[in-house]
Amino acid sequence: MNALAKRLSLTLGPVLFNWPVDRWVDFYKRVADEAPVDRVCLGEVVCSKRQPFRDDVILETVDRLERGGKEVVYSTLALPTTKREVRAIGEMVEAGYLIEANDISTVQLLDGRPHVIGPFVNIYSEDALAQHLALGATRVCLPPELPLRSIRLIAAGNGAVEVFAFGRAPLALSARCYHARAHGVAKDACQFVCERDIDGMDVLTIDDKPFFAVNGVQTLGHVVTAVTREVAALAEAGVVALRLSPQSCDMVKVAKVFRDLADAHVTPEEANDALSSLPLPGPLSDGFLRGLPGARLLDEVD
């Protein structure tokens, strides 16, 4: 188990939420200095209106991360809808950065350049993965809803598959902003109300039970994905990396838990206890990986 698990590297996905700039900068400073992750994805994935607030700090942040020994990848919008947004992605491509494409239009702009595929691109089969590898993808983070049996088939022998391992799972995107609508403002004059919910805004069922979370135009799971019990099985299946999606909790501790788990220094039970001690926005779940509804919790039996 130990030899197999050590093959896994850790990727810190992009911050999906609209954190204040100071919080965003401080978060990456600590990641650079303390988090045992190998790769950091940096960039605005959900809403292009948020990006200008970070334009003055992003290059300094990249430098800090690289000096901390992290490989930096530039994540792009998952739903570009305007010519301006597409043009901005094209400029990043032409600048020669390593890009994480989160939309198929970005893959077209990359035109065969080496790149990464994020979890927003639907890759559900071995053939789809092979096609993306042929188009220049060097790493593919699979969508979070895939079960282990499918991951085994897709990851076998290619050395390119990453799995969403921690965080509220990104489920869907819309051209409409539910966050703005919920606060009674128009999308074009949203006043950045999404900044009020640093882990997303909980959405309740008619029975007042939390079900989803909303982050601007994005819908996420209410529960927090944690694939702790299947890390060894993922390594055996050929998965090369685990993705940790930032939440407002102590992500350095999260990264250390997954590093220890991948190195077989702690058991899954110990990892679950450590994660459960954090102020998470929802309970831990591994339903998707077990082929069950994504809201199924870790302690719920099949």
C-alpha atoms as a PDB file:
ATOM      1  CA  MET A   1       0.000   0.000   0.000  1.00  0.00           C
ATOM      2  CA  ASN A   2       2.725   2.463   0.926  1.00  0.00           C
ATOM      3  CA  ALA A   3       4.618   2.139  -2.361  1.00  0.00           C
ATOM      4  CA  LEU A   4       1.447   2.508  -4.387  1.00  0.00           C
ATOM      5  CA  ALA A   5       0.130   5.494  -2.444  1.00  0.00           C
ATOM      6  CA  LYS A   6       3.377   7.449  -2.800  1.00  0.00           C
ATOM      7  CA  ARG A   7       2.764   7.698  -6.524  1.00  0.00           C
ATOM      8  CA  LEU A   8      -0.005  10.189  -5.801  1.00  0.00           C
ATOM      9  CA  SER A   9       0.743  13.902  -5.980  1.00  0.00           C
ATOM     10  CA  LEU A  10      -1.497  16.636  -4.604  1.00  0.00           C
ATOM     11  CA  THR A  11      -3.051  19.469  -6.596  1.00  0.00           C
ATOM     12  CA  LEU A  12      -4.671  22.499  -5.006  1.00  0.00           C
ATOM     13  CA  GLY A  13      -7.513  23.526  -7.273  1.00  0.00           C
ATOM     14  CA  PRO A  14      -8.449  27.158  -7.912  1.00  0.00           C
ATOM     15  CA  VAL A  15     -10.401  29.127  -5.321  1.00  0.00           C
ATOM     16  CA  LEU A  16     -13.944  28.901  -6.658  1.00  0.00           C
ATOM     17  CA  PHE A  17     -15.418  31.495  -4.300  1.00  0.00           C
ATOM     18  CA  ASN A  18     -15.316  35.285  -4.308  1.00  0.00           C
ATOM     19  CA  TRP A  19     -12.917  35.799  -1.419  1.00  0.00           C
ATOM     20  CA  PRO A  20     -11.780  39.335  -0.580  1.00  0.00           C
ATOM     21  CA  VAL A  21      -8.408  40.089  -2.151  1.00  0.00           C
ATOM     22  CA  ASP A  22      -6.550  40.276   1.161  1.00  0.00           C
ATOM     23  CA  ARG A  23      -7.882  36.879   2.198  1.00  0.00           C
ATOM     24  CA  TRP A  24      -7.051  35.435  -1.241  1.00  0.00           C
ATOM     25  CA  VAL A  25      -3.458  36.725  -1.103  1.00  0.00           C
ATOM     26  CA  ASP A  26      -2.892  35.556   2.470  1.00  0.00           C
ATOM     27  CA  PHE A  27      -4.291  32.145   1.605  1.00  0.00           C
ATOM     28  CA  TYR A  28      -1.761  31.595  -1.184  1.00  0.00           C
ATOM     29  CA  LYS A  29       1.114  32.945   0.908  1.00  0.00           C
ATOM     30  CA  ARG A  30       0.439  30.259   3.479  1.00  0.00           C
ATOM     31  CA  VAL A  31       0.005  27.617   0.777  1.00  0.00           C
ATOM     32  CA  ALA A  32       3.373  28.593  -0.684  1.00  0.00           C
ATOM     33  CA  ASP A  33       5.136  28.307   2.659  1.00  0.00           C
ATOM     34  CA  GLU A  34       3.360  25.434   4.400  1.00  0.00           C
ATOM     35  CA  ALA A  35       1.108  23.265   2.242  1.00  0.00           C
ATOM     36  CA  PRO A  36       2.578  19.943   0.986  1.00  0.00           C
ATOM     37  CA  VAL A  37       0.996  20.251  -2.460  1.00  0.00           C
ATOM     38  CA  ASP A  38       2.865  19.795  -5.721  1.00  0.00           C
ATOM     39  CA  ARG A  39       0.715  21.869  -8.059  1.00  0.00           C
ATOM     40  CA  VAL A  40      -1.462  24.948  -7.538  1.00  0.00           C
ATOM     41  CA  CYS A  41      -4.180  26.020  -9.954  1.00  0.00           C
ATOM     42  CA  LEU A  42      -4.642  29.772  -9.908  1.00  0.00           C
ATOM     43  CA  GLY A  43      -7.254  31.845 -11.681  1.00  0.00           C
ATOM     44  CA  GLU A  44     -10.922  32.773 -11.914  1.00  0.00           C
ATOM     45  CA  VAL A  45     -13.095  29.874 -13.019  1.00  0.00           C
ATOM     46  CA  VAL A  46     -16.631  30.973 -12.122  1.00  0.00           C
ATOM     47  CA  CYS A  47     -17.176  34.682 -12.943  1.00  0.00           C
ATOM     48  CA  SER A  48     -14.921  37.000 -14.954  1.00  0.00           C
ATOM     49  CA  LYS A  49     -16.261  40.033 -13.060  1.00  0.00           C
ATOM     50  CA  ARG A  50     -14.192  38.928 -10.043  1.00  0.00           C
ATOM     51  CA  GLN A  51     -10.837  38.736 -11.812  1.00  0.00           C
ATOM     52  CA  PRO A  52      -9.952  42.480 -12.062  1.00  0.00           C
ATOM     53  CA  PHE A  53      -9.763  42.714  -8.266  1.00  0.00           C
ATOM     54  CA  ARG A  54      -6.786  40.312  -8.331  1.00  0.00           C
ATOM     55  CA  ASP A  55      -4.970  41.612 -11.404  1.00  0.00           C
ATOM     56  CA  ASP A  56      -2.553  43.666  -9.294  1.00  0.00           C
ATOM     57  CA  VAL A  57      -1.580  40.739  -7.044  1.00  0.00           C
ATOM     58  CA  ILE A  58      -1.605  37.660  -9.251  1.00  0.00           C
ATOM     59  CA  LEU A  59       1.966  37.888 -10.583  1.00  0.00           C
ATOM     60  CA  GLU A  60       3.349  38.395  -7.093  1.00  0.00           C
ATOM     61  CA  THR A  61       1.277  35.421  -5.932  1.00  0.00           C
ATOM     62  CA  VAL A  62       2.620  33.238  -8.729  1.00  0.00           C
ATOM     63  CA  ASP A  63       6.165  34.200  -7.828  1.00  0.00           C
ATOM     64  CA  ARG A  64       5.552  33.404  -4.157  1.00  0.00           C
ATOM     65  CA  LEU A  65       4.118  29.984  -5.018  1.00  0.00           C
ATOM     66  CA  GLU A  66       6.969  29.119  -7.378  1.00  0.00           C
ATOM     67  CA  ARG A  67       9.560  30.147  -4.788  1.00  0.00           C
ATOM     68  CA  GLY A  68       7.724  27.801  -2.433  1.00  0.00           C
ATOM     69  CA  GLY A  69       8.390  24.928  -4.829  1.00  0.00           C
ATOM     70  CA  LYS A  70       4.890  24.730  -6.318  1.00  0.00           C
ATOM     71  CA  GLU A  71       4.121  24.266 -10.003  1.00  0.00           C
ATOM     72  CA  VAL A  72       1.562  26.897 -11.024  1.00  0.00           C
ATOM     73  CA  VAL A  73      -1.205  26.288 -13.541  1.00  0.00           C
ATOM     74  CA  TYR A  74      -3.515  29.033 -14.824  1.00  0.00           C
ATOM     75  CA  SER A  75      -7.162  27.939 -14.611  1.00  0.00           C
ATOM     76  CA  THR A  76      -9.579  29.464 -17.100  1.00  0.00           C
ATOM     77  CA  LEU A  77     -13.305  30.228 -17.038  1.00  0.00           C
ATOM     78  CA  ALA A  78     -15.616  27.253 -17.086  1.00  0.00           C
ATOM     79  CA  LEU A  79     -18.348  29.144 -18.967  1.00  0.00           C
ATOM     80  CA  PRO A  80     -16.931  31.923 -21.170  1.00  0.00           C
ATOM     81  CA  THR A  81     -19.881  33.701 -22.784  1.00  0.00           C
ATOM     82  CA  THR A  82     -18.511  36.937 -24.267  1.00  0.00           C
ATOM     83  CA  LYS A  83     -15.921  37.821 -26.879  1.00  0.00           C
ATOM     84  CA  ARG A  84     -13.980  39.683 -24.204  1.00  0.00           C
ATOM     85  CA  GLU A  85     -13.741  36.574 -22.035  1.00  0.00           C
ATOM     86  CA  VAL A  86     -12.641  34.403 -24.934  1.00  0.00           C
ATOM     87  CA  ARG A  87     -10.074  37.028 -25.968  1.00  0.00           C
ATOM     88  CA  ALA A  88      -8.665  37.118 -22.423  1.00  0.00           C
ATOM     89  CA  ILE A  89      -8.233  33.338 -22.438  1.00  0.00           C
ATOM     90  CA  GLY A  90      -6.525  33.547 -25.810  1.00  0.00           C
ATOM     91  CA  GLU A  91      -4.080  36.115 -24.448  1.00  0.00           C
ATOM     92  CA  MET A  92      -3.173  33.773 -21.599  1.00  0.00           C
ATOM     93  CA  VAL A  93      -2.605  30.963 -24.078  1.00  0.00           C
ATOM     94  CA  GLU A  94      -0.386  33.119 -26.275  1.00  0.00           C
ATOM     95  CA  ALA A  95       1.618  34.228 -23.242  1.00  0.00           C
ATOM     96  CA  GLY A  96       2.849  30.661 -22.902  1.00  0.00           C
ATOM     97  CA  TYR A  97       1.435  29.830 -19.476  1.00  0.00           C
ATOM     98  CA  LEU A  98       0.486  26.273 -18.573  1.00  0.00           C
ATOM     99  CA  ILE A  99      -3.292  26.434 -18.874  1.00  0.00           C
ATOM    100  CA  GLU A 100      -6.028  24.436 -17.217  1.00  0.00           C
ATOM    101  CA  ALA A 101      -8.918  24.365 -19.668  1.00  0.00           C
ATOM    102  CA  ASN A 102     -12.345  24.233 -18.054  1.00  0.00           C
ATOM    103  CA  ASP A 103     -14.316  24.618 -21.270  1.00  0.00           C
ATOM    104  CA  ILE A 104     -13.956  22.924 -24.642  1.00  0.00           C
ATOM    105  CA  SER A 105     -13.614  26.292 -26.415  1.00  0.00           C
ATOM    106  CA  THR A 106     -10.373  26.812 -24.491  1.00  0.00           C
ATOM    107  CA  VAL A 107      -9.086  23.472 -25.780  1.00  0.00           C
ATOM    108  CA  GLN A 108      -9.652  24.808 -29.292  1.00  0.00           C
ATOM    109  CA  LEU A 109      -7.725  27.987 -28.474  1.00  0.00           C
ATOM    110  CA  LEU A 110      -4.817  25.897 -27.147  1.00  0.00           C
ATOM    111  CA  ASP A 111      -4.476  24.283 -30.582  1.00  0.00           C
ATOM    112  CA  GLY A 112      -2.413  21.305 -29.435  1.00  0.00           C
ATOM    113  CA  ARG A 113      -0.250  23.071 -26.845  1.00  0.00           C
ATOM    114  CA  PRO A 114       0.413  21.034 -23.684  1.00  0.00           C
ATOM    115  CA  HIS A 115      -2.285  21.805 -21.135  1.00  0.00           C
ATOM    116  CA  VAL A 116      -4.384  20.491 -18.240  1.00  0.00           C
ATOM    117  CA  ILE A 117      -8.090  19.662 -18.306  1.00  0.00           C
ATOM    118  CA  GLY A 118     -10.153  20.725 -15.288  1.00  0.00           C
ATOM    119  CA  PRO A 119     -13.150  18.924 -13.767  1.00  0.00           C
ATOM    120  CA  PHE A 120     -15.672  21.078 -15.635  1.00  0.00           C
ATOM    121  CA  VAL A 121     -15.011  19.312 -18.956  1.00  0.00           C
ATOM    122  CA  ASN A 122     -17.121  16.165 -19.261  1.00  0.00           C
ATOM    123  CA  ILE A 123     -14.778  13.213 -19.694  1.00  0.00           C
ATOM    124  CA  TYR A 124     -16.662  10.032 -18.926  1.00  0.00           C
ATOM    125  CA  SER A 125     -14.913   7.350 -20.972  1.00  0.00           C
ATOM    126  CA  GLU A 126     -11.537   6.007 -22.029  1.00  0.00           C
ATOM    127  CA  ASP A 127     -12.146   7.205 -25.592  1.00  0.00           C
ATOM    128  CA  ALA A 128     -12.900  10.751 -24.470  1.00  0.00           C
ATOM    129  CA  LEU A 129      -9.727  10.804 -22.401  1.00  0.00           C
ATOM    130  CA  ALA A 130      -7.665   9.447 -25.298  1.00  0.00           C
ATOM    131  CA  GLN A 131      -9.030  12.199 -27.545  1.00  0.00           C
ATOM    132  CA  HIS A 132      -8.033  14.907 -25.079  1.00  0.00           C
ATOM    133  CA  LEU A 133      -4.571  13.418 -24.628  1.00  0.00           C
ATOM    134  CA  ALA A 134      -4.195  13.482 -28.416  1.00  0.00           C
ATOM    135  CA  LEU A 135      -5.156  17.182 -28.361  1.00  0.00           C
ATOM    136  CA  GLY A 136      -2.322  17.998 -25.952  1.00  0.00           C
ATOM    137  CA  ALA A 137      -3.681  17.341 -22.461  1.00  0.00           C
ATOM    138  CA  THR A 138      -0.997  16.153 -20.052  1.00  0.00           C
ATOM    139  CA  ARG A 139      -3.253  15.857 -16.978  1.00  0.00           C
ATOM    140  CA  VAL A 140      -7.011  15.473 -16.713  1.00  0.00           C
ATOM    141  CA  CYS A 141      -9.022  16.038 -13.541  1.00  0.00           C
ATOM    142  CA  LEU A 142     -12.112  13.890 -13.965  1.00  0.00           C
ATOM    143  CA  PRO A 143     -15.586  15.215 -13.088  1.00  0.00           C
ATOM    144  CA  PRO A 144     -16.336  14.636  -9.386  1.00  0.00           C
ATOM    145  CA  GLU A 145     -19.430  12.480  -9.926  1.00  0.00           C
ATOM    146  CA  LEU A 146     -17.613   9.471 -11.401  1.00  0.00           C
ATOM    147  CA  PRO A 147     -17.622   6.230  -9.361  1.00  0.00           C
ATOM    148  CA  LEU A 148     -14.469   4.250  -8.643  1.00  0.00           C
ATOM    149  CA  ARG A 149     -15.387   1.519 -11.135  1.00  0.00           C
ATOM    150  CA  SER A 150     -15.438   4.084 -13.958  1.00  0.00           C
ATOM    151  CA  ILE A 151     -12.244   5.763 -12.772  1.00  0.00           C
ATOM    152  CA  ARG A 152     -10.495   2.377 -12.913  1.00  0.00           C
ATOM    153  CA  LEU A 153     -11.408   1.973 -16.573  1.00  0.00           C
ATOM    154  CA  ILE A 154     -10.508   5.531 -17.562  1.00  0.00           C
ATOM    155  CA  ALA A 155      -7.235   5.808 -15.629  1.00  0.00           C
ATOM    156  CA  ALA A 156      -5.728   2.458 -16.542  1.00  0.00           C
ATOM    157  CA  GLY A 157      -2.228   2.804 -17.930  1.00  0.00           C
ATOM    158  CA  ASN A 158      -2.226   6.430 -19.134  1.00  0.00           C
ATOM    159  CA  GLY A 159      -0.602   8.206 -16.168  1.00  0.00           C
ATOM    160  CA  ALA A 160      -2.687  11.335 -16.662  1.00  0.00           C
ATOM    161  CA  VAL A 161      -5.744  11.118 -14.405  1.00  0.00           C
ATOM    162  CA  GLU A 162      -6.402  13.321 -11.395  1.00  0.00           C
ATOM    163  CA  VAL A 163      -9.399  12.821  -9.093  1.00  0.00           C
ATOM    164  CA  PHE A 164     -11.418  15.421  -7.173  1.00  0.00           C
ATOM    165  CA  ALA A 165     -10.658  14.395  -3.586  1.00  0.00           C
ATOM    166  CA  PHE A 166     -11.774  17.192  -1.249  1.00  0.00           C
ATOM    167  CA  GLY A 167     -14.180  20.115  -1.227  1.00  0.00           C
ATOM    168  CA  ARG A 168     -17.687  20.990  -2.252  1.00  0.00           C
ATOM    169  CA  ALA A 169     -18.105  19.288  -5.614  1.00  0.00           C
ATOM    170  CA  PRO A 170     -18.696  21.609  -8.598  1.00  0.00           C
ATOM    171  CA  LEU A 171     -21.872  20.330 -10.247  1.00  0.00           C
ATOM    172  CA  ALA A 172     -23.227  22.868 -12.737  1.00  0.00           C
ATOM    173  CA  LEU A 173     -22.950  26.368 -14.183  1.00  0.00           C
ATOM    174  CA  SER A 174     -25.590  28.702 -15.529  1.00  0.00           C
ATOM    175  CA  ALA A 175     -25.614  31.917 -17.518  1.00  0.00           C
ATOM    176  CA  ARG A 176     -27.889  33.299 -14.782  1.00  0.00           C
ATOM    177  CA  CYS A 177     -26.611  34.303 -11.343  1.00  0.00           C
ATOM    178  CA  TYR A 178     -28.724  32.746  -8.617  1.00  0.00           C
ATOM    179  CA  HIS A 179     -26.704  34.547  -5.962  1.00  0.00           C
ATOM    180  CA  ALA A 180     -27.720  37.918  -7.375  1.00  0.00           C
ATOM    181  CA  ARG A 181     -31.336  36.849  -7.793  1.00  0.00           C
ATOM    182  CA  ALA A 182     -31.525  35.597  -4.211  1.00  0.00           C
ATOM    183  CA  HIS A 183     -30.441  39.040  -2.993  1.00  0.00           C
ATOM    184  CA  GLY A 184     -32.862  40.919  -5.245  1.00  0.00           C
ATOM    185  CA  VAL A 185     -30.265  42.472  -7.561  1.00  0.00           C
ATOM    186  CA  ALA A 186     -29.604  42.103 -11.280  1.00  0.00           C
ATOM    187  CA  LYS A 187     -26.637  40.075 -12.516  1.00  0.00           C
ATOM    188  CA  ASP A 188     -25.136  43.103 -14.277  1.00  0.00           C
ATOM    189  CA  ALA A 189     -25.425  45.147 -11.066  1.00  0.00           C
ATOM    190  CA  CYS A 190     -24.796  42.330  -8.618  1.00  0.00           C
ATOM    191  CA  GLN A 191     -22.772  44.370  -6.083  1.00  0.00           C
ATOM    192  CA  PHE A 192     -20.664  41.207  -5.746  1.00  0.00           C
ATOM    193  CA  VAL A 193     -23.077  39.766  -3.184  1.00  0.00           C
ATOM    194  CA  CYS A 194     -21.389  36.368  -3.597  1.00  0.00           C
ATOM    195  CA  GLU A 195     -18.533  37.750  -1.484  1.00  0.00           C
ATOM    196  CA  ARG A 196     -20.776  37.349   1.562  1.00  0.00           C
ATOM    197  CA  ASP A 197     -20.623  33.543   1.352  1.00  0.00           C
ATOM    198  CA  ILE A 198     -17.010  32.399   1.474  1.00  0.00           C
ATOM    199  CA  ASP A 199     -17.949  28.719   1.032  1.00  0.00           C
ATOM    200  CA  GLY A 200     -21.042  29.298  -1.076  1.00  0.00           C
ATOM    201  CA  MET A 201     -24.639  29.993  -0.061  1.00  0.00           C
ATOM    202  CA  ASP A 202     -26.616  27.012   1.208  1.00  0.00           C
ATOM    203  CA  VAL A 203     -29.795  26.117  -0.669  1.00  0.00           C
ATOM    204  CA  LEU A 204     -32.528  24.320   1.278  1.00  0.00           C
ATOM    205  CA  THR A 205     -35.223  21.897   0.159  1.00  0.00           C
ATOM    206  CA  ILE A 206     -38.887  22.635   0.868  1.00  0.00           C
ATOM    207  CA  ASP A 207     -38.349  20.627   4.066  1.00  0.00           C
ATOM    208  CA  ASP A 208     -35.601  23.094   5.116  1.00  0.00           C
ATOM    209  CA  LYS A 209     -32.820  20.559   4.636  1.00  0.00           C
ATOM    210  CA  PRO A 210     -29.535  21.733   3.054  1.00  0.00           C
ATOM    211  CA  PHE A 211     -29.052  20.200  -0.375  1.00  0.00           C
ATOM    212  CA  PHE A 212     -26.935  22.370  -2.679  1.00  0.00           C
ATOM    213  CA  ALA A 213     -24.710  25.413  -2.366  1.00  0.00           C
ATOM    214  CA  VAL A 214     -24.692  28.349  -4.771  1.00  0.00           C
ATOM    215  CA  ASN A 215     -21.626  30.359  -5.752  1.00  0.00           C
ATOM    216  CA  GLY A 216     -22.659  33.061  -8.193  1.00  0.00           C
ATOM    217  CA  VAL A 217     -23.541  31.237 -11.417  1.00  0.00           C
ATOM    218  CA  GLN A 218     -22.255  27.948 -10.010  1.00  0.00           C
ATOM    219  CA  THR A 219     -24.046  25.132  -8.205  1.00  0.00           C
ATOM    220  CA  LEU A 220     -22.058  22.929  -5.840  1.00  0.00           C
ATOM    221  CA  GLY A 221     -22.859  20.094  -3.486  1.00  0.00           C
ATOM    222  CA  HIS A 222     -23.769  20.996   0.083  1.00  0.00           C
ATOM    223  CA  VAL A 223     -21.657  18.123   1.409  1.00  0.00           C
ATOM    224  CA  VAL A 224     -17.864  18.151   1.341  1.00  0.00           C
ATOM    225  CA  THR A 225     -16.355  15.433  -0.820  1.00  0.00           C
ATOM    226  CA  ALA A 226     -13.627  13.455   0.949  1.00  0.00           C
ATOM    227  CA  VAL A 227     -12.305  10.352  -0.823  1.00  0.00           C
ATOM    228  CA  THR A 228     -10.233   9.280   2.160  1.00  0.00           C
ATOM    229  CA  ARG A 229     -11.335   5.644   2.241  1.00  0.00           C
ATOM    230  CA  GLU A 230     -10.336   4.906  -1.355  1.00  0.00           C
ATOM    231  CA  VAL A 231      -6.930   6.581  -1.696  1.00  0.00           C
ATOM    232  CA  ALA A 232      -5.055   3.274  -1.985  1.00  0.00           C
ATOM    233  CA  ALA A 233      -7.605   1.953  -4.488  1.00  0.00           C
ATOM    234  CA  LEU A 234      -7.256   5.111  -6.592  1.00  0.00           C
ATOM    235  CA  ALA A 235      -3.479   4.720  -6.650  1.00  0.00           C
ATOM    236  CA  GLU A 236      -3.825   1.082  -7.677  1.00  0.00           C
ATOM    237  CA  ALA A 237      -6.236   2.141 -10.422  1.00  0.00           C
ATOM    238  CA  GLY A 238      -3.556   4.362 -11.991  1.00  0.00           C
ATOM    239  CA  VAL A 239      -4.663   7.757 -10.665  1.00  0.00           C
ATOM    240  CA  VAL A 240      -1.624  10.049 -10.392  1.00  0.00           C
ATOM    241  CA  ALA A 241      -2.974  12.987  -8.371  1.00  0.00           C
ATOM    242  CA  LEU A 242      -5.647  14.054  -5.904  1.00  0.00           C
ATOM    243  CA  ARG A 243      -7.281  17.473  -6.186  1.00  0.00           C
ATOM    244  CA  LEU A 244      -8.089  19.500  -3.081  1.00  0.00           C
ATOM    245  CA  SER A 245     -10.603  22.280  -3.720  1.00  0.00           C
ATOM    246  CA  PRO A 246     -10.145  25.289  -1.400  1.00  0.00           C
ATOM    247  CA  GLN A 247     -12.695  25.938   1.332  1.00  0.00           C
ATOM    248  CA  SER A 248     -12.443  28.522   4.108  1.00  0.00           C
ATOM    249  CA  CYS A 249     -11.153  25.941   6.604  1.00  0.00           C
ATOM    250  CA  ASP A 250      -7.453  25.315   7.257  1.00  0.00           C
ATOM    251  CA  MET A 251      -6.402  24.016   3.829  1.00  0.00           C
ATOM    252  CA  VAL A 252      -2.809  23.532   4.973  1.00  0.00           C
ATOM    253  CA  LYS A 253      -4.093  21.001   7.490  1.00  0.00           C
ATOM    254  CA  VAL A 254      -6.264  19.401   4.794  1.00  0.00           C
ATOM    255  CA  ALA A 255      -3.238  19.056   2.522  1.00  0.00           C
ATOM    256  CA  LYS A 256      -1.163  17.546   5.329  1.00  0.00           C
ATOM    257  CA  VAL A 257      -3.917  15.026   6.077  1.00  0.00           C
ATOM    258  CA  PHE A 258      -4.066  13.907   2.454  1.00  0.00           C
ATOM    259  CA  ARG A 259      -0.266  13.834   2.164  1.00  0.00           C
ATOM    260  CA  ASP A 260      -0.056  11.607   5.238  1.00  0.00           C
ATOM    261  CA  LEU A 261      -2.883   9.457   3.937  1.00  0.00           C
ATOM    262  CA  ALA A 262      -1.285   9.057   0.503  1.00  0.00           C
ATOM    263  CA  ASP A 263       1.987   8.115   2.184  1.00  0.00           C
ATOM    264  CA  ALA A 264       0.172   5.621   4.447  1.00  0.00           C
ATOM    265  CA  HIS A 265       1.229   7.476   7.598  1.00  0.00           C
ATOM    266  CA  VAL A 266      -2.371   7.667   8.813  1.00  0.00           C
ATOM    267  CA  THR A 267      -5.397   5.440   8.344  1.00  0.00           C
ATOM    268  CA  PRO A 268      -8.554   6.575   6.543  1.00  0.00           C
ATOM    269  CA  GLU A 269     -10.322   6.647   9.897  1.00  0.00           C
ATOM    270  CA  GLU A 270      -7.662   8.944  11.349  1.00  0.00           C
ATOM    271  CA  ALA A 271      -7.857  11.153   8.266  1.00  0.00           C
ATOM    272  CA  ASN A 272     -11.647  11.391   8.568  1.00  0.00           C
ATOM    273  CA  ASP A 273     -11.368  12.359  12.229  1.00  0.00           C
ATOM    274  CA  ALA A 274      -8.830  15.070  11.399  1.00  0.00           C
ATOM    275  CA  LEU A 275     -10.968  16.506   8.610  1.00  0.00           C
ATOM    276  CA  SER A 276     -14.142  16.325  10.683  1.00  0.00           C
ATOM    277  CA  SER A 277     -12.488  18.453  13.359  1.00  0.00           C
ATOM    278  CA  LEU A 278     -12.286  21.381  10.922  1.00  0.00           C
ATOM    279  CA  PRO A 279     -15.064  24.004  10.527  1.00  0.00           C
ATOM    280  CA  LEU A 280     -16.359  22.596   7.246  1.00  0.00           C
ATOM    281  CA  PRO A 281     -19.385  24.040   5.405  1.00  0.00           C
ATOM    282  CA  GLY A 282     -21.037  20.611   5.280  1.00  0.00           C
ATOM    283  CA  PRO A 283     -20.595  16.991   6.367  1.00  0.00           C
ATOM    284  CA  LEU A 284     -18.075  14.685   4.695  1.00  0.00           C
ATOM    285  CA  SER A 285     -19.244  12.510   1.819  1.00  0.00           C
ATOM    286  CA  ASP A 286     -17.884   9.929  -0.598  1.00  0.00           C
ATOM    287  CA  GLY A 287     -21.201   8.994  -2.219  1.00  0.00           C
ATOM    288  CA  PHE A 288     -20.142   9.657  -5.801  1.00  0.00           C
ATOM    289  CA  LEU A 289     -17.040   7.484  -5.512  1.00  0.00           C
ATOM    290  CA  ARG A 290     -19.153   4.610  -4.185  1.00  0.00           C
ATOM    291  CA  GLY A 291     -21.584   4.922  -7.083  1.00  0.00           C
ATOM    292  CA  LEU A 292     -24.252   6.390  -4.794  1.00  0.00           C
ATOM    293  CA  PRO A 293     -25.980   9.785  -4.675  1.00  0.00           C
ATOM    294  CA  GLY A 294     -23.394  12.474  -4.030  1.00  0.00           C
ATOM    295  CA  ALA A 295     -25.116  13.564  -0.824  1.00  0.00           C
ATOM    296  CA  ARG A 296     -24.540  10.219   0.889  1.00  0.00           C
ATOM    297  CA  LEU A 297     -22.323  10.708   3.919  1.00  0.00           C
ATOM    298  CA  LEU A 298     -19.183   8.852   4.933  1.00  0.00           C
ATOM    299  CA  ASP A 299     -20.898   7.138   7.831  1.00  0.00           C
ATOM    300  CA  GLU A 300     -23.896   5.990   5.792  1.00  0.00           C
ATOM    301  CA  VAL A 301     -23.662   2.357   4.715  1.00  0.00           C
ATOM    302  CA  ASP A 302     -24.334   1.268   1.132  1.00  0.00           C
END
